[in-house]
Amino acid sequence: MSESIGDGPLHWRRLAAGDLRLLARWLADPIVARWWNHDSTLEGVERDFGASVRGEEPGEDLVVSLDGRPVGLVQRALIHDYPEDLAEFAGLVEVPEGAVELDYLIGEPALRGRGLGSRMIATLVRDTWTSRPATPAILVAVVAANAASWRALEKAGLRRIAEGPMTPENPSDGSLHYVYRAERG
C-alpha cells in the first residue's frame, strides 16, 4: 500500500535556524545530493544557508509543509539579484527585469514520484503572482538529465523555452540545461 501525499494545503515559511539540521539531512539524501551537489554537513549548511536565516540574503529559502509536516524546500529569488545566475540565463533567453527564479527539492523520500513536486511548483508560481505583483515571469533552469524535475515543471504548467549550456550544480552532469518559463497570465 503506497503512502498518500495528502490533499491538504501546502504552506511555507522562511527557513529558520532550527531547520538547518533537517535541511542537512535532506541534502545528504542520495537523490537530493545527486542534483543539488551540496555540502550536507551541518557546518556546510550553516555556512551556506546562514545568511538566508539571518535575513541577509536577497532570495528566499522556504520550507514547504504538507499537512503540518516539512516536506521540502523552495528557493525563490529575483534573477537580477544574482549576477552569475543572470549571466547564465541571459546566455540562453531574455530575462525581463523583475523575473524570478525557482529551485526546489522534496526532502522526504517517501513523497517523491507522487505529484508533490509539480504541486509545490504550481503553488509557488501562483503565490509569486500574488505576493510579487511586479514579477513578469518565472524562469527555471534544470539540467537536462534530471527528467523528474523537468517533468514536474511541465505538469505544473511551465513551458520549455530554451535549451543550451549552463554550469551544472554537479560537475558530473553535462552542461545541457532546459529553461522553463511561466508568465503572468
C-alpha atoms as a PDB file:
ATOM      1  CA  MET A   1       0.000   0.000   0.000  1.00  0.00           C
ATOM      2  CA  SER A   2       1.508   3.318  -1.018  1.00  0.00           C
ATOM      3  CA  GLU A   3       1.534   6.355   1.212  1.00  0.00           C
ATOM      4  CA  SER A   4      -0.726   9.161   0.041  1.00  0.00           C
ATOM      5  CA  ILE A   5       0.827  12.591  -0.224  1.00  0.00           C
ATOM      6  CA  GLY A   6      -2.300  14.081   1.285  1.00  0.00           C
ATOM      7  CA  ASP A   7      -4.515  16.658  -0.297  1.00  0.00           C
ATOM      8  CA  GLY A   8      -4.172  19.263   2.416  1.00  0.00           C
ATOM      9  CA  PRO A   9      -2.875  22.696   1.552  1.00  0.00           C
ATOM     10  CA  LEU A  10       0.797  23.378   1.180  1.00  0.00           C
ATOM     11  CA  HIS A  11       2.238  26.002   3.488  1.00  0.00           C
ATOM     12  CA  TRP A  12       5.651  27.602   3.519  1.00  0.00           C
ATOM     13  CA  ARG A  13       7.685  29.815   5.728  1.00  0.00           C
ATOM     14  CA  ARG A  14      11.183  31.201   5.702  1.00  0.00           C
ATOM     15  CA  LEU A  15      13.975  28.841   6.624  1.00  0.00           C
ATOM     16  CA  ALA A  16      14.906  29.232  10.312  1.00  0.00           C
ATOM     17  CA  ALA A  17      17.973  28.217  12.294  1.00  0.00           C
ATOM     18  CA  GLY A  18      16.000  25.318  13.748  1.00  0.00           C
ATOM     19  CA  ASP A  19      15.519  23.902  10.232  1.00  0.00           C
ATOM     20  CA  LEU A  20      19.202  23.570   9.353  1.00  0.00           C
ATOM     21  CA  ARG A  21      19.621  20.067  10.788  1.00  0.00           C
ATOM     22  CA  LEU A  22      16.591  18.881   8.776  1.00  0.00           C
ATOM     23  CA  LEU A  23      17.927  20.600   5.656  1.00  0.00           C
ATOM     24  CA  ALA A  24      21.305  18.906   6.183  1.00  0.00           C
ATOM     25  CA  ARG A  25      19.516  15.539   6.312  1.00  0.00           C
ATOM     26  CA  TRP A  26      17.608  16.330   3.124  1.00  0.00           C
ATOM     27  CA  LEU A  27      20.760  17.450   1.303  1.00  0.00           C
ATOM     28  CA  ALA A  28      22.527  14.237   2.352  1.00  0.00           C
ATOM     29  CA  ASP A  29      19.812  12.060   0.821  1.00  0.00           C
ATOM     30  CA  PRO A  30      21.312  10.380  -2.271  1.00  0.00           C
ATOM     31  CA  ILE A  31      18.594  11.583  -4.669  1.00  0.00           C
ATOM     32  CA  VAL A  32      18.808  15.195  -3.474  1.00  0.00           C
ATOM     33  CA  ALA A  33      22.611  15.042  -3.306  1.00  0.00           C
ATOM     34  CA  ARG A  34      22.690  13.822  -6.902  1.00  0.00           C
ATOM     35  CA  TRP A  35      21.094  17.008  -8.208  1.00  0.00           C
ATOM     36  CA  TRP A  36      21.968  19.616  -5.572  1.00  0.00           C
ATOM     37  CA  ASN A  37      25.600  18.504  -5.028  1.00  0.00           C
ATOM     38  CA  HIS A  38      25.745  20.492  -1.806  1.00  0.00           C
ATOM     39  CA  ASP A  39      27.847  20.207   1.349  1.00  0.00           C
ATOM     40  CA  SER A  40      25.387  18.414   3.624  1.00  0.00           C
ATOM     41  CA  THR A  41      27.377  18.653   6.826  1.00  0.00           C
ATOM     42  CA  LEU A  42      25.705  20.793   9.454  1.00  0.00           C
ATOM     43  CA  GLU A  43      28.658  23.177   9.252  1.00  0.00           C
ATOM     44  CA  GLY A  44      28.293  23.432   5.470  1.00  0.00           C
ATOM     45  CA  VAL A  45      24.553  24.028   5.681  1.00  0.00           C
ATOM     46  CA  GLU A  46      25.034  26.661   8.390  1.00  0.00           C
ATOM     47  CA  ARG A  47      27.695  28.358   6.263  1.00  0.00           C
ATOM     48  CA  ASP A  48      25.664  28.307   3.039  1.00  0.00           C
ATOM     49  CA  PHE A  49      22.171  28.972   4.417  1.00  0.00           C
ATOM     50  CA  GLY A  50      23.023  31.100   7.462  1.00  0.00           C
ATOM     51  CA  ALA A  51      22.725  34.373   5.564  1.00  0.00           C
ATOM     52  CA  SER A  52      19.221  33.408   4.491  1.00  0.00           C
ATOM     53  CA  VAL A  53      18.257  32.509   8.060  1.00  0.00           C
ATOM     54  CA  ARG A  54      19.589  35.881   9.268  1.00  0.00           C
ATOM     55  CA  GLY A  55      17.714  37.780   6.534  1.00  0.00           C
ATOM     56  CA  GLU A  56      20.942  38.845   4.820  1.00  0.00           C
ATOM     57  CA  GLU A  57      20.232  37.063   1.540  1.00  0.00           C
ATOM     58  CA  PRO A  58      18.099  38.765  -1.136  1.00  0.00           C
ATOM     59  CA  GLY A  59      16.406  35.489  -2.094  1.00  0.00           C
ATOM     60  CA  GLU A  60      14.005  33.377  -0.070  1.00  0.00           C
ATOM     61  CA  ASP A  61      14.655  29.874   1.219  1.00  0.00           C
ATOM     62  CA  LEU A  62      11.223  28.489   2.032  1.00  0.00           C
ATOM     63  CA  VAL A  63      10.432  25.329   3.985  1.00  0.00           C
ATOM     64  CA  VAL A  64       7.347  23.737   2.436  1.00  0.00           C
ATOM     65  CA  SER A  65       4.973  21.784   4.682  1.00  0.00           C
ATOM     66  CA  LEU A  66       2.155  19.417   3.818  1.00  0.00           C
ATOM     67  CA  ASP A  67      -0.389  18.533   6.473  1.00  0.00           C
ATOM     68  CA  GLY A  68       1.815  20.322   9.009  1.00  0.00           C
ATOM     69  CA  ARG A  69       4.915  18.282   8.178  1.00  0.00           C
ATOM     70  CA  PRO A  70       8.012  19.783   6.494  1.00  0.00           C
ATOM     71  CA  VAL A  71       8.469  18.036   3.151  1.00  0.00           C
ATOM     72  CA  GLY A  72      10.742  20.191   1.026  1.00  0.00           C
ATOM     73  CA  LEU A  73      12.495  23.419   0.227  1.00  0.00           C
ATOM     74  CA  VAL A  74      11.886  26.042  -2.437  1.00  0.00           C
ATOM     75  CA  GLN A  75      14.322  28.812  -3.241  1.00  0.00           C
ATOM     76  CA  ARG A  76      12.775  31.886  -4.835  1.00  0.00           C
ATOM     77  CA  ALA A  77      14.773  34.918  -5.919  1.00  0.00           C
ATOM     78  CA  LEU A  78      14.879  37.836  -8.307  1.00  0.00           C
ATOM     79  CA  ILE A  79      17.296  36.743 -11.008  1.00  0.00           C
ATOM     80  CA  HIS A  80      18.815  40.229 -11.265  1.00  0.00           C
ATOM     81  CA  ASP A  81      19.895  39.964  -7.592  1.00  0.00           C
ATOM     82  CA  TYR A  82      22.326  37.189  -8.563  1.00  0.00           C
ATOM     83  CA  PRO A  83      24.692  38.337 -11.358  1.00  0.00           C
ATOM     84  CA  GLU A  84      26.045  34.831 -12.071  1.00  0.00           C
ATOM     85  CA  ASP A  85      22.538  33.415 -12.471  1.00  0.00           C
ATOM     86  CA  LEU A  86      21.543  36.381 -14.627  1.00  0.00           C
ATOM     87  CA  ALA A  87      24.520  35.802 -16.929  1.00  0.00           C
ATOM     88  CA  GLU A  88      23.708  32.075 -17.235  1.00  0.00           C
ATOM     89  CA  PHE A  89      20.038  32.701 -18.076  1.00  0.00           C
ATOM     90  CA  ALA A  90      20.819  35.656 -20.376  1.00  0.00           C
ATOM     91  CA  GLY A  91      23.106  33.416 -22.411  1.00  0.00           C
ATOM     92  CA  LEU A  92      20.007  31.464 -23.463  1.00  0.00           C
ATOM     93  CA  VAL A  93      16.904  33.650 -23.017  1.00  0.00           C
ATOM     94  CA  GLU A  94      15.740  37.187 -22.478  1.00  0.00           C
ATOM     95  CA  VAL A  95      15.497  37.875 -18.752  1.00  0.00           C
ATOM     96  CA  PRO A  96      12.964  40.624 -18.069  1.00  0.00           C
ATOM     97  CA  GLU A  97      13.586  42.968 -15.159  1.00  0.00           C
ATOM     98  CA  GLY A  98      11.790  41.559 -12.117  1.00  0.00           C
ATOM     99  CA  ALA A  99      11.875  37.936 -13.319  1.00  0.00           C
ATOM    100  CA  VAL A 100      12.046  35.344 -10.543  1.00  0.00           C
ATOM    101  CA  GLU A 101      13.839  32.008 -10.487  1.00  0.00           C
ATOM    102  CA  LEU A 102      12.848  28.918  -8.517  1.00  0.00           C
ATOM    103  CA  ASP A 103      14.746  25.894  -7.299  1.00  0.00           C
ATOM    104  CA  TYR A 104      13.214  23.121  -5.247  1.00  0.00           C
ATOM    105  CA  LEU A 105      13.669  19.767  -3.602  1.00  0.00           C
ATOM    106  CA  ILE A 106      11.460  17.191  -1.986  1.00  0.00           C
ATOM    107  CA  GLY A 107      13.283  16.181   1.154  1.00  0.00           C
ATOM    108  CA  GLU A 108      11.142  13.246   2.209  1.00  0.00           C
ATOM    109  CA  PRO A 109      11.940  10.201   0.032  1.00  0.00           C
ATOM    110  CA  ALA A 110       8.549   8.532   0.556  1.00  0.00           C
ATOM    111  CA  LEU A 111       6.848  11.531  -1.062  1.00  0.00           C
ATOM    112  CA  ARG A 112       8.805  11.579  -4.311  1.00  0.00           C
ATOM    113  CA  GLY A 113       7.191  10.397  -7.518  1.00  0.00           C
ATOM    114  CA  ARG A 114       3.679  11.159  -6.275  1.00  0.00           C
ATOM    115  CA  GLY A 115       2.991  14.557  -7.834  1.00  0.00           C
ATOM    116  CA  LEU A 116       4.183  16.630  -4.891  1.00  0.00           C
ATOM    117  CA  GLY A 117       6.924  18.364  -6.891  1.00  0.00           C
ATOM    118  CA  SER A 118       4.553  19.687  -9.546  1.00  0.00           C
ATOM    119  CA  ARG A 119       2.085  20.677  -6.844  1.00  0.00           C
ATOM    120  CA  MET A 120       4.786  22.601  -4.938  1.00  0.00           C
ATOM    121  CA  ILE A 121       5.914  24.366  -8.099  1.00  0.00           C
ATOM    122  CA  ALA A 122       2.389  25.298  -9.223  1.00  0.00           C
ATOM    123  CA  THR A 123       1.507  26.581  -5.759  1.00  0.00           C
ATOM    124  CA  LEU A 124       4.640  28.738  -5.506  1.00  0.00           C
ATOM    125  CA  VAL A 125       4.085  30.078  -9.021  1.00  0.00           C
ATOM    126  CA  ARG A 126       0.551  31.175  -8.047  1.00  0.00           C
ATOM    127  CA  ASP A 127       1.867  32.687  -4.821  1.00  0.00           C
ATOM    128  CA  THR A 128       4.564  34.574  -6.734  1.00  0.00           C
ATOM    129  CA  TRP A 129       1.941  36.244  -8.900  1.00  0.00           C
ATOM    130  CA  THR A 130       0.072  37.308  -5.755  1.00  0.00           C
ATOM    131  CA  SER A 131       2.939  38.228  -3.435  1.00  0.00           C
ATOM    132  CA  ARG A 132       5.133  39.838  -6.102  1.00  0.00           C
ATOM    133  CA  PRO A 133       2.766  41.745  -8.385  1.00  0.00           C
ATOM    134  CA  ALA A 134       5.621  43.297 -10.403  1.00  0.00           C
ATOM    135  CA  THR A 135       7.013  39.902 -11.434  1.00  0.00           C
ATOM    136  CA  PRO A 136       6.521  39.456 -15.194  1.00  0.00           C
ATOM    137  CA  ALA A 137       7.890  35.896 -15.475  1.00  0.00           C
ATOM    138  CA  ILE A 138       9.333  32.953 -13.608  1.00  0.00           C
ATOM    139  CA  LEU A 139      12.317  31.121 -15.086  1.00  0.00           C
ATOM    140  CA  VAL A 140      13.650  27.757 -14.011  1.00  0.00           C
ATOM    141  CA  ALA A 141      16.792  26.109 -15.341  1.00  0.00           C
ATOM    142  CA  VAL A 142      17.117  22.372 -14.912  1.00  0.00           C
ATOM    143  CA  VAL A 143      19.886  20.078 -16.035  1.00  0.00           C
ATOM    144  CA  ALA A 144      18.555  18.040 -18.961  1.00  0.00           C
ATOM    145  CA  ALA A 145      19.423  14.748 -17.280  1.00  0.00           C
ATOM    146  CA  ASN A 146      17.016  15.467 -14.417  1.00  0.00           C
ATOM    147  CA  ALA A 147      13.894  14.195 -16.145  1.00  0.00           C
ATOM    148  CA  ALA A 148      11.844  14.042 -12.928  1.00  0.00           C
ATOM    149  CA  SER A 149      12.439  17.743 -12.357  1.00  0.00           C
ATOM    150  CA  TRP A 150      11.590  18.928 -15.847  1.00  0.00           C
ATOM    151  CA  ARG A 151       8.521  16.687 -15.956  1.00  0.00           C
ATOM    152  CA  ALA A 152       7.336  18.270 -12.691  1.00  0.00           C
ATOM    153  CA  LEU A 153       7.796  21.707 -14.246  1.00  0.00           C
ATOM    154  CA  GLU A 154       5.739  20.693 -17.272  1.00  0.00           C
ATOM    155  CA  LYS A 155       2.983  19.203 -15.098  1.00  0.00           C
ATOM    156  CA  ALA A 156       2.945  22.465 -13.132  1.00  0.00           C
ATOM    157  CA  GLY A 157       2.246  24.341 -16.362  1.00  0.00           C
ATOM    158  CA  LEU A 158       5.657  25.808 -17.147  1.00  0.00           C
ATOM    159  CA  ARG A 159       6.749  25.847 -20.765  1.00  0.00           C
ATOM    160  CA  ARG A 160      10.172  24.864 -22.058  1.00  0.00           C
ATOM    161  CA  ILE A 161      11.514  27.874 -23.932  1.00  0.00           C
ATOM    162  CA  ALA A 162      15.186  27.098 -24.474  1.00  0.00           C
ATOM    163  CA  GLU A 163      17.973  24.628 -24.072  1.00  0.00           C
ATOM    164  CA  GLY A 164      21.680  25.138 -24.007  1.00  0.00           C
ATOM    165  CA  PRO A 165      24.820  25.119 -21.922  1.00  0.00           C
ATOM    166  CA  MET A 166      24.798  26.304 -18.314  1.00  0.00           C
ATOM    167  CA  THR A 167      27.086  25.437 -15.421  1.00  0.00           C
ATOM    168  CA  PRO A 168      25.702  22.311 -13.724  1.00  0.00           C
ATOM    169  CA  GLU A 169      25.366  22.008  -9.952  1.00  0.00           C
ATOM    170  CA  ASN A 170      27.038  18.617 -10.177  1.00  0.00           C
ATOM    171  CA  PRO A 171      30.241  18.641 -12.238  1.00  0.00           C
ATOM    172  CA  SER A 172      29.481  15.071 -13.329  1.00  0.00           C
ATOM    173  CA  ASP A 173      26.484  16.332 -15.323  1.00  0.00           C
ATOM    174  CA  GLY A 174      26.806  17.703 -18.786  1.00  0.00           C
ATOM    175  CA  SER A 175      26.173  21.389 -19.310  1.00  0.00           C
ATOM    176  CA  LEU A 176      22.916  20.923 -21.260  1.00  0.00           C
ATOM    177  CA  HIS A 177      20.058  22.597 -19.413  1.00  0.00           C
ATOM    178  CA  TYR A 178      16.425  23.218 -20.239  1.00  0.00           C
ATOM    179  CA  VAL A 179      14.935  26.595 -19.366  1.00  0.00           C
ATOM    180  CA  TYR A 180      11.267  26.736 -18.404  1.00  0.00           C
ATOM    181  CA  ARG A 181       9.075  29.791 -18.108  1.00  0.00           C
ATOM    182  CA  ALA A 182       5.778  30.785 -16.545  1.00  0.00           C
ATOM    183  CA  GLU A 183       4.277  34.118 -17.463  1.00  0.00           C
ATOM    184  CA  ARG A 184       1.791  36.175 -15.563  1.00  0.00           C
ATOM    185  CA  GLY A 185      -1.495  35.413 -17.197  1.00  0.00           C
END
